[in-house]
């Protein structure tokens, strides 16, 4: 099984930084942190960075439970 290389612009992100998540979702930073604290968004901490999984952000926008 061979995997053909793909260009970087065809890869969907696995996670977004808080700033990126605000931009792509049009949700304000404060409300985004509120959603994180309520457990409505799945996050990963890598060092000091908080990353929001693309799957959970998409589910929130589509109205699906995570």
PDB file of N, CA and C in Angstrom:
ATOM      1  N   UNK A   1       0.846  -1.170   0.000  1.00  0.00           N
ATOM      2  CA  UNK A   1       0.000   0.000   0.000  1.00  0.00           C
ATOM      3  C   UNK A   1       0.890   1.231   0.000  1.00  0.00           C
ATOM      4  N   UNK A   2       0.758   2.039  -1.001  1.00  0.00           N
ATOM      5  CA  UNK A   2       1.562   3.258  -1.039  1.00  0.00           C
ATOM      6  C   UNK A   2       0.690   4.465  -0.777  1.00  0.00           C
ATOM      7  N   UNK A   3       1.274   5.407  -0.128  1.00  0.00           N
ATOM      8  CA  UNK A   3       0.572   6.660   0.159  1.00  0.00           C
ATOM      9  C   UNK A   3       1.185   7.731  -0.721  1.00  0.00           C
ATOM     10  N   UNK A   4       0.357   8.326  -1.545  1.00  0.00           N
ATOM     11  CA  UNK A   4       0.846   9.379  -2.424  1.00  0.00           C
ATOM     12  C   UNK A   4       0.941  10.684  -1.650  1.00  0.00           C
ATOM     13  N   UNK A   5       1.983  11.446  -1.901  1.00  0.00           N
ATOM     14  CA  UNK A   5       2.108  12.729  -1.207  1.00  0.00           C
ATOM     15  C   UNK A   5       1.000  13.686  -1.625  1.00  0.00           C
ATOM     16  N   UNK A   6       0.557  14.464  -0.662  1.00  0.00           N
ATOM     17  CA  UNK A   6      -0.466  15.474  -0.951  1.00  0.00           C
ATOM     18  C   UNK A   6       0.098  16.843  -0.631  1.00  0.00           C
ATOM     19  N   UNK A   7      -0.464  17.845  -1.241  1.00  0.00           N
ATOM     20  CA  UNK A   7       0.010  19.200  -0.961  1.00  0.00           C
ATOM     21  C   UNK A   7      -0.544  19.669   0.375  1.00  0.00           C
ATOM     22  N   UNK A   8       0.146  20.590   0.992  1.00  0.00           N
ATOM     23  CA  UNK A   8      -0.226  21.076   2.321  1.00  0.00           C
ATOM     24  C   UNK A   8      -1.596  21.749   2.314  1.00  0.00           C
ATOM     25  N   UNK A   9      -1.986  22.357   1.204  1.00  0.00           N
ATOM     26  CA  UNK A   9      -3.266  23.056   1.191  1.00  0.00           C
ATOM     27  C   UNK A   9      -4.452  22.101   1.063  1.00  0.00           C
ATOM     28  N   UNK A  10      -4.250  20.832   0.831  1.00  0.00           N
ATOM     29  CA  UNK A  10      -5.364  19.898   0.765  1.00  0.00           C
ATOM     30  C   UNK A  10      -5.580  19.177   2.088  1.00  0.00           C
ATOM     31  N   UNK A  11      -4.688  19.345   3.039  1.00  0.00           N
ATOM     32  CA  UNK A  11      -4.826  18.704   4.341  1.00  0.00           C
ATOM     33  C   UNK A  11      -5.714  19.547   5.255  1.00  0.00           C
ATOM     34  N   UNK A  12      -6.690  18.905   5.850  1.00  0.00           N
ATOM     35  CA  UNK A  12      -7.547  19.593   6.811  1.00  0.00           C
ATOM     36  C   UNK A  12      -6.837  19.611   8.159  1.00  0.00           C
ATOM     37  N   UNK A  13      -6.951  20.696   8.905  1.00  0.00           N
ATOM     38  CA  UNK A  13      -6.288  20.751  10.206  1.00  0.00           C
ATOM     39  C   UNK A  13      -6.914  19.762  11.193  1.00  0.00           C
ATOM     40  N   UNK A  14      -6.091  19.206  12.044  1.00  0.00           N
ATOM     41  CA  UNK A  14      -6.575  18.311  13.102  1.00  0.00           C
ATOM     42  C   UNK A  14      -7.031  19.104  14.310  1.00  0.00           C
ATOM     43  N   UNK A  15      -6.427  20.279  14.503  1.00  0.00           N
ATOM     44  CA  UNK A  15      -6.745  21.116  15.661  1.00  0.00           C
ATOM     45  C   UNK A  15      -6.449  22.566  15.324  1.00  0.00           C
ATOM     46  N   UNK A  16      -7.056  23.445  16.098  1.00  0.00           N
ATOM     47  CA  UNK A  16      -6.878  24.878  15.924  1.00  0.00           C
ATOM     48  C   UNK A  16      -6.390  25.493  17.229  1.00  0.00           C
ATOM     49  N   UNK A  17      -5.561  26.510  17.122  1.00  0.00           N
ATOM     50  CA  UNK A  17      -5.239  27.309  18.304  1.00  0.00           C
ATOM     51  C   UNK A  17      -6.498  28.100  18.657  1.00  0.00           C
ATOM     52  N   UNK A  18      -6.516  28.716  19.808  1.00  0.00           N
ATOM     53  CA  UNK A  18      -7.682  29.497  20.216  1.00  0.00           C
ATOM     54  C   UNK A  18      -7.928  30.625  19.206  1.00  0.00           C
ATOM     55  N   UNK A  19      -6.877  31.312  18.792  1.00  0.00           N
ATOM     56  CA  UNK A  19      -7.027  32.406  17.821  1.00  0.00           C
ATOM     57  C   UNK A  19      -7.573  31.905  16.490  1.00  0.00           C
ATOM     58  N   UNK A  20      -7.032  30.778  16.015  1.00  0.00           N
ATOM     59  CA  UNK A  20      -7.503  30.212  14.748  1.00  0.00           C
ATOM     60  C   UNK A  20      -8.959  29.763  14.857  1.00  0.00           C
ATOM     61  N   UNK A  21      -9.330  29.154  15.977  1.00  0.00           N
ATOM     62  CA  UNK A  21     -10.708  28.695  16.180  1.00  0.00           C
ATOM     63  C   UNK A  21     -11.675  29.879  16.183  1.00  0.00           C
ATOM     64  N   UNK A  22     -11.254  30.981  16.757  1.00  0.00           N
ATOM     65  CA  UNK A  22     -12.085  32.191  16.747  1.00  0.00           C
ATOM     66  C   UNK A  22     -12.310  32.670  15.321  1.00  0.00           C
ATOM     67  N   UNK A  23     -11.257  32.657  14.521  1.00  0.00           N
ATOM     68  CA  UNK A  23     -11.361  33.129  13.133  1.00  0.00           C
ATOM     69  C   UNK A  23     -12.258  32.235  12.293  1.00  0.00           C
ATOM     70  N   UNK A  24     -12.042  30.929  12.350  1.00  0.00           N
ATOM     71  CA  UNK A  24     -12.792  30.030  11.476  1.00  0.00           C
ATOM     72  C   UNK A  24     -14.247  29.852  11.905  1.00  0.00           C
ATOM     73  N   UNK A  25     -14.550  30.090  13.173  1.00  0.00           N
ATOM     74  CA  UNK A  25     -15.908  29.879  13.664  1.00  0.00           C
ATOM     75  C   UNK A  25     -16.687  31.171  13.893  1.00  0.00           C
ATOM     76  N   UNK A  26     -16.000  32.299  13.877  1.00  0.00           N
ATOM     77  CA  UNK A  26     -16.616  33.600  14.184  1.00  0.00           C
ATOM     78  C   UNK A  26     -17.172  33.640  15.605  1.00  0.00           C
ATOM     79  N   UNK A  27     -16.542  32.891  16.492  1.00  0.00           N
ATOM     80  CA  UNK A  27     -16.906  32.901  17.913  1.00  0.00           C
ATOM     81  C   UNK A  27     -15.862  33.737  18.639  1.00  0.00           C
ATOM     82  N   UNK A  28     -16.309  34.584  19.550  1.00  0.00           N
ATOM     83  CA  UNK A  28     -15.396  35.422  20.307  1.00  0.00           C
ATOM     84  C   UNK A  28     -14.533  34.612  21.262  1.00  0.00           C
ATOM     85  N   UNK A  29     -13.383  35.165  21.585  1.00  0.00           N
ATOM     86  CA  UNK A  29     -12.408  34.493  22.445  1.00  0.00           C
ATOM     87  C   UNK A  29     -12.986  34.146  23.827  1.00  0.00           C
ATOM     88  N   UNK A  30     -13.681  35.089  24.442  1.00  0.00           N
ATOM     89  CA  UNK A  30     -14.251  34.866  25.775  1.00  0.00           C
ATOM     90  C   UNK A  30     -15.289  33.748  25.737  1.00  0.00           C
ATOM     91  N   UNK A  31     -16.165  33.782  24.736  1.00  0.00           N
ATOM     92  CA  UNK A  31     -17.191  32.742  24.621  1.00  0.00           C
ATOM     93  C   UNK A  31     -16.553  31.387  24.302  1.00  0.00           C
ATOM     94  N   UNK A  32     -15.500  31.391  23.516  1.00  0.00           N
ATOM     95  CA  UNK A  32     -14.792  30.152  23.199  1.00  0.00           C
ATOM     96  C   UNK A  32     -14.235  29.522  24.478  1.00  0.00           C
ATOM     97  N   UNK A  33     -13.622  30.334  25.330  1.00  0.00           N
ATOM     98  CA  UNK A  33     -13.106  29.816  26.610  1.00  0.00           C
ATOM     99  C   UNK A  33     -14.247  29.336  27.508  1.00  0.00           C
ATOM    100  N   UNK A  34     -15.394  29.999  27.439  1.00  0.00           N
ATOM    101  CA  UNK A  34     -16.549  29.563  28.209  1.00  0.00           C
ATOM    102  C   UNK A  34     -16.995  28.166  27.747  1.00  0.00           C
ATOM    103  N   UNK A  35     -17.031  27.966  26.427  1.00  0.00           N
ATOM    104  CA  UNK A  35     -17.398  26.657  25.887  1.00  0.00           C
ATOM    105  C   UNK A  35     -16.398  25.579  26.303  1.00  0.00           C
ATOM    106  N   UNK A  36     -15.128  25.947  26.346  1.00  0.00           N
ATOM    107  CA  UNK A  36     -14.097  25.007  26.799  1.00  0.00           C
ATOM    108  C   UNK A  36     -14.330  24.645  28.261  1.00  0.00           C
ATOM    109  N   UNK A  37     -14.569  25.646  29.098  1.00  0.00           N
ATOM    110  CA  UNK A  37     -14.787  25.403  30.532  1.00  0.00           C
ATOM    111  C   UNK A  37     -16.048  24.591  30.795  1.00  0.00           C
ATOM    112  N   UNK A  38     -17.054  24.725  29.932  1.00  0.00           N
ATOM    113  CA  UNK A  38     -18.291  23.955  30.066  1.00  0.00           C
ATOM    114  C   UNK A  38     -18.127  22.526  29.544  1.00  0.00           C
ATOM    115  N   UNK A  39     -16.994  22.244  28.918  1.00  0.00           N
ATOM    116  CA  UNK A  39     -16.752  20.918  28.378  1.00  0.00           C
ATOM    117  C   UNK A  39     -17.410  20.681  27.028  1.00  0.00           C
ATOM    118  N   UNK A  40     -17.840  21.739  26.372  1.00  0.00           N
ATOM    119  CA  UNK A  40     -18.516  21.602  25.077  1.00  0.00           C
ATOM    120  C   UNK A  40     -17.539  21.562  23.904  1.00  0.00           C
ATOM    121  N   UNK A  41     -16.276  21.878  24.162  1.00  0.00           N
ATOM    122  CA  UNK A  41     -15.227  21.779  23.153  1.00  0.00           C
ATOM    123  C   UNK A  41     -14.107  20.910  23.704  1.00  0.00           C
ATOM    124  N   UNK A  42     -13.608  20.027  22.873  1.00  0.00           N
ATOM    125  CA  UNK A  42     -12.517  19.127  23.254  1.00  0.00           C
ATOM    126  C   UNK A  42     -11.187  19.840  22.993  1.00  0.00           C
ATOM    127  N   UNK A  43     -10.364  19.904  24.019  1.00  0.00           N
ATOM    128  CA  UNK A  43      -9.079  20.589  23.881  1.00  0.00           C
ATOM    129  C   UNK A  43      -7.933  19.664  24.258  1.00  0.00           C
ATOM    130  N   UNK A  44      -6.778  20.003  23.748  1.00  0.00           N
ATOM    131  CA  UNK A  44      -5.527  19.328  24.099  1.00  0.00           C
ATOM    132  C   UNK A  44      -4.540  20.410  24.498  1.00  0.00           C
ATOM    133  N   UNK A  45      -3.835  20.169  25.583  1.00  0.00           N
ATOM    134  CA  UNK A  45      -2.772  21.078  25.992  1.00  0.00           C
ATOM    135  C   UNK A  45      -1.454  20.473  25.541  1.00  0.00           C
ATOM    136  N   UNK A  46      -0.707  21.229  24.777  1.00  0.00           N
ATOM    137  CA  UNK A  46       0.629  20.823  24.365  1.00  0.00           C
ATOM    138  C   UNK A  46       1.558  21.930  24.845  1.00  0.00           C
ATOM    139  N   UNK A  47       2.293  21.634  25.906  1.00  0.00           N
ATOM    140  CA  UNK A  47       3.072  22.684  26.550  1.00  0.00           C
ATOM    141  C   UNK A  47       2.100  23.707  27.112  1.00  0.00           C
ATOM    142  N   UNK A  48       2.296  24.955  26.755  1.00  0.00           N
ATOM    143  CA  UNK A  48       1.387  26.014  27.197  1.00  0.00           C
ATOM    144  C   UNK A  48       0.264  26.277  26.206  1.00  0.00           C
ATOM    145  N   UNK A  49       0.369  25.648  25.019  1.00  0.00           N
ATOM    146  CA  UNK A  49      -0.627  25.877  23.969  1.00  0.00           C
ATOM    147  C   UNK A  49      -1.900  25.099  24.220  1.00  0.00           C
ATOM    148  N   UNK A  50      -3.025  25.754  23.974  1.00  0.00           N
ATOM    149  CA  UNK A  50      -4.319  25.100  24.025  1.00  0.00           C
ATOM    150  C   UNK A  50      -4.783  24.901  22.593  1.00  0.00           C
ATOM    151  N   UNK A  51      -5.011  23.654  22.212  1.00  0.00           N
ATOM    152  CA  UNK A  51      -5.486  23.347  20.872  1.00  0.00           C
ATOM    153  C   UNK A  51      -6.886  22.764  20.956  1.00  0.00           C
ATOM    154  N   UNK A  52      -7.758  23.255  20.101  1.00  0.00           N
ATOM    155  CA  UNK A  52      -9.138  22.792  20.041  1.00  0.00           C
ATOM    156  C   UNK A  52      -9.238  21.831  18.869  1.00  0.00           C
ATOM    157  N   UNK A  53      -9.735  20.639  19.113  1.00  0.00           N
ATOM    158  CA  UNK A  53      -9.814  19.671  18.030  1.00  0.00           C
ATOM    159  C   UNK A  53     -10.805  20.146  16.977  1.00  0.00           C
ATOM    160  N   UNK A  54     -10.438  19.946  15.726  1.00  0.00           N
ATOM    161  CA  UNK A  54     -11.301  20.354  14.614  1.00  0.00           C
ATOM    162  C   UNK A  54     -12.622  19.606  14.677  1.00  0.00           C
ATOM    163  N   UNK A  55     -12.566  18.335  15.088  1.00  0.00           N
ATOM    164  CA  UNK A  55     -13.784  17.526  15.186  1.00  0.00           C
ATOM    165  C   UNK A  55     -14.789  18.130  16.163  1.00  0.00           C
ATOM    166  N   UNK A  56     -14.314  18.563  17.338  1.00  0.00           N
ATOM    167  CA  UNK A  56     -15.247  19.101  18.329  1.00  0.00           C
ATOM    168  C   UNK A  56     -15.770  20.483  17.919  1.00  0.00           C
ATOM    169  N   UNK A  57     -14.935  21.273  17.261  1.00  0.00           N
ATOM    170  CA  UNK A  57     -15.389  22.585  16.789  1.00  0.00           C
ATOM    171  C   UNK A  57     -16.447  22.408  15.708  1.00  0.00           C
ATOM    172  N   UNK A  58     -16.208  21.475  14.790  1.00  0.00           N
ATOM    173  CA  UNK A  58     -17.174  21.198  13.726  1.00  0.00           C
ATOM    174  C   UNK A  58     -18.488  20.681  14.313  1.00  0.00           C
ATOM    175  N   UNK A  59     -18.410  19.794  15.303  1.00  0.00           N
ATOM    176  CA  UNK A  59     -19.606  19.249  15.939  1.00  0.00           C
ATOM    177  C   UNK A  59     -20.404  20.352  16.635  1.00  0.00           C
ATOM    178  N   UNK A  60     -19.717  21.277  17.269  1.00  0.00           N
ATOM    179  CA  UNK A  60     -20.400  22.383  17.936  1.00  0.00           C
ATOM    180  C   UNK A  60     -21.159  23.232  16.912  1.00  0.00           C
ATOM    181  N   UNK A  61     -20.501  23.568  15.818  1.00  0.00           N
ATOM    182  CA  UNK A  61     -21.124  24.405  14.792  1.00  0.00           C
ATOM    183  C   UNK A  61     -22.302  23.678  14.140  1.00  0.00           C
ATOM    184  N   UNK A  62     -22.150  22.364  13.938  1.00  0.00           N
ATOM    185  CA  UNK A  62     -23.212  21.583  13.299  1.00  0.00           C
ATOM    186  C   UNK A  62     -24.323  21.199  14.275  1.00  0.00           C
ATOM    187  N   UNK A  63     -24.139  21.515  15.553  1.00  0.00           N
ATOM    188  CA  UNK A  63     -25.168  21.230  16.555  1.00  0.00           C
ATOM    189  C   UNK A  63     -25.185  19.798  17.025  1.00  0.00           C
ATOM    190  N   UNK A  64     -24.089  19.073  16.819  1.00  0.00           N
ATOM    191  CA  UNK A  64     -24.006  17.682  17.254  1.00  0.00           C
ATOM    192  C   UNK A  64     -23.338  17.615  18.621  1.00  0.00           C
ATOM    193  N   UNK A  65     -23.765  16.677  19.476  1.00  0.00           N
ATOM    194  CA  UNK A  65     -23.081  16.521  20.767  1.00  0.00           C
ATOM    195  C   UNK A  65     -21.699  15.928  20.573  1.00  0.00           C
ATOM    196  N   UNK A  66     -20.751  16.331  21.422  1.00  0.00           N
ATOM    197  CA  UNK A  66     -19.396  15.783  21.327  1.00  0.00           C
ATOM    198  C   UNK A  66     -19.239  14.580  22.205  1.00  0.00           C
TER     199      UNK A  66
END
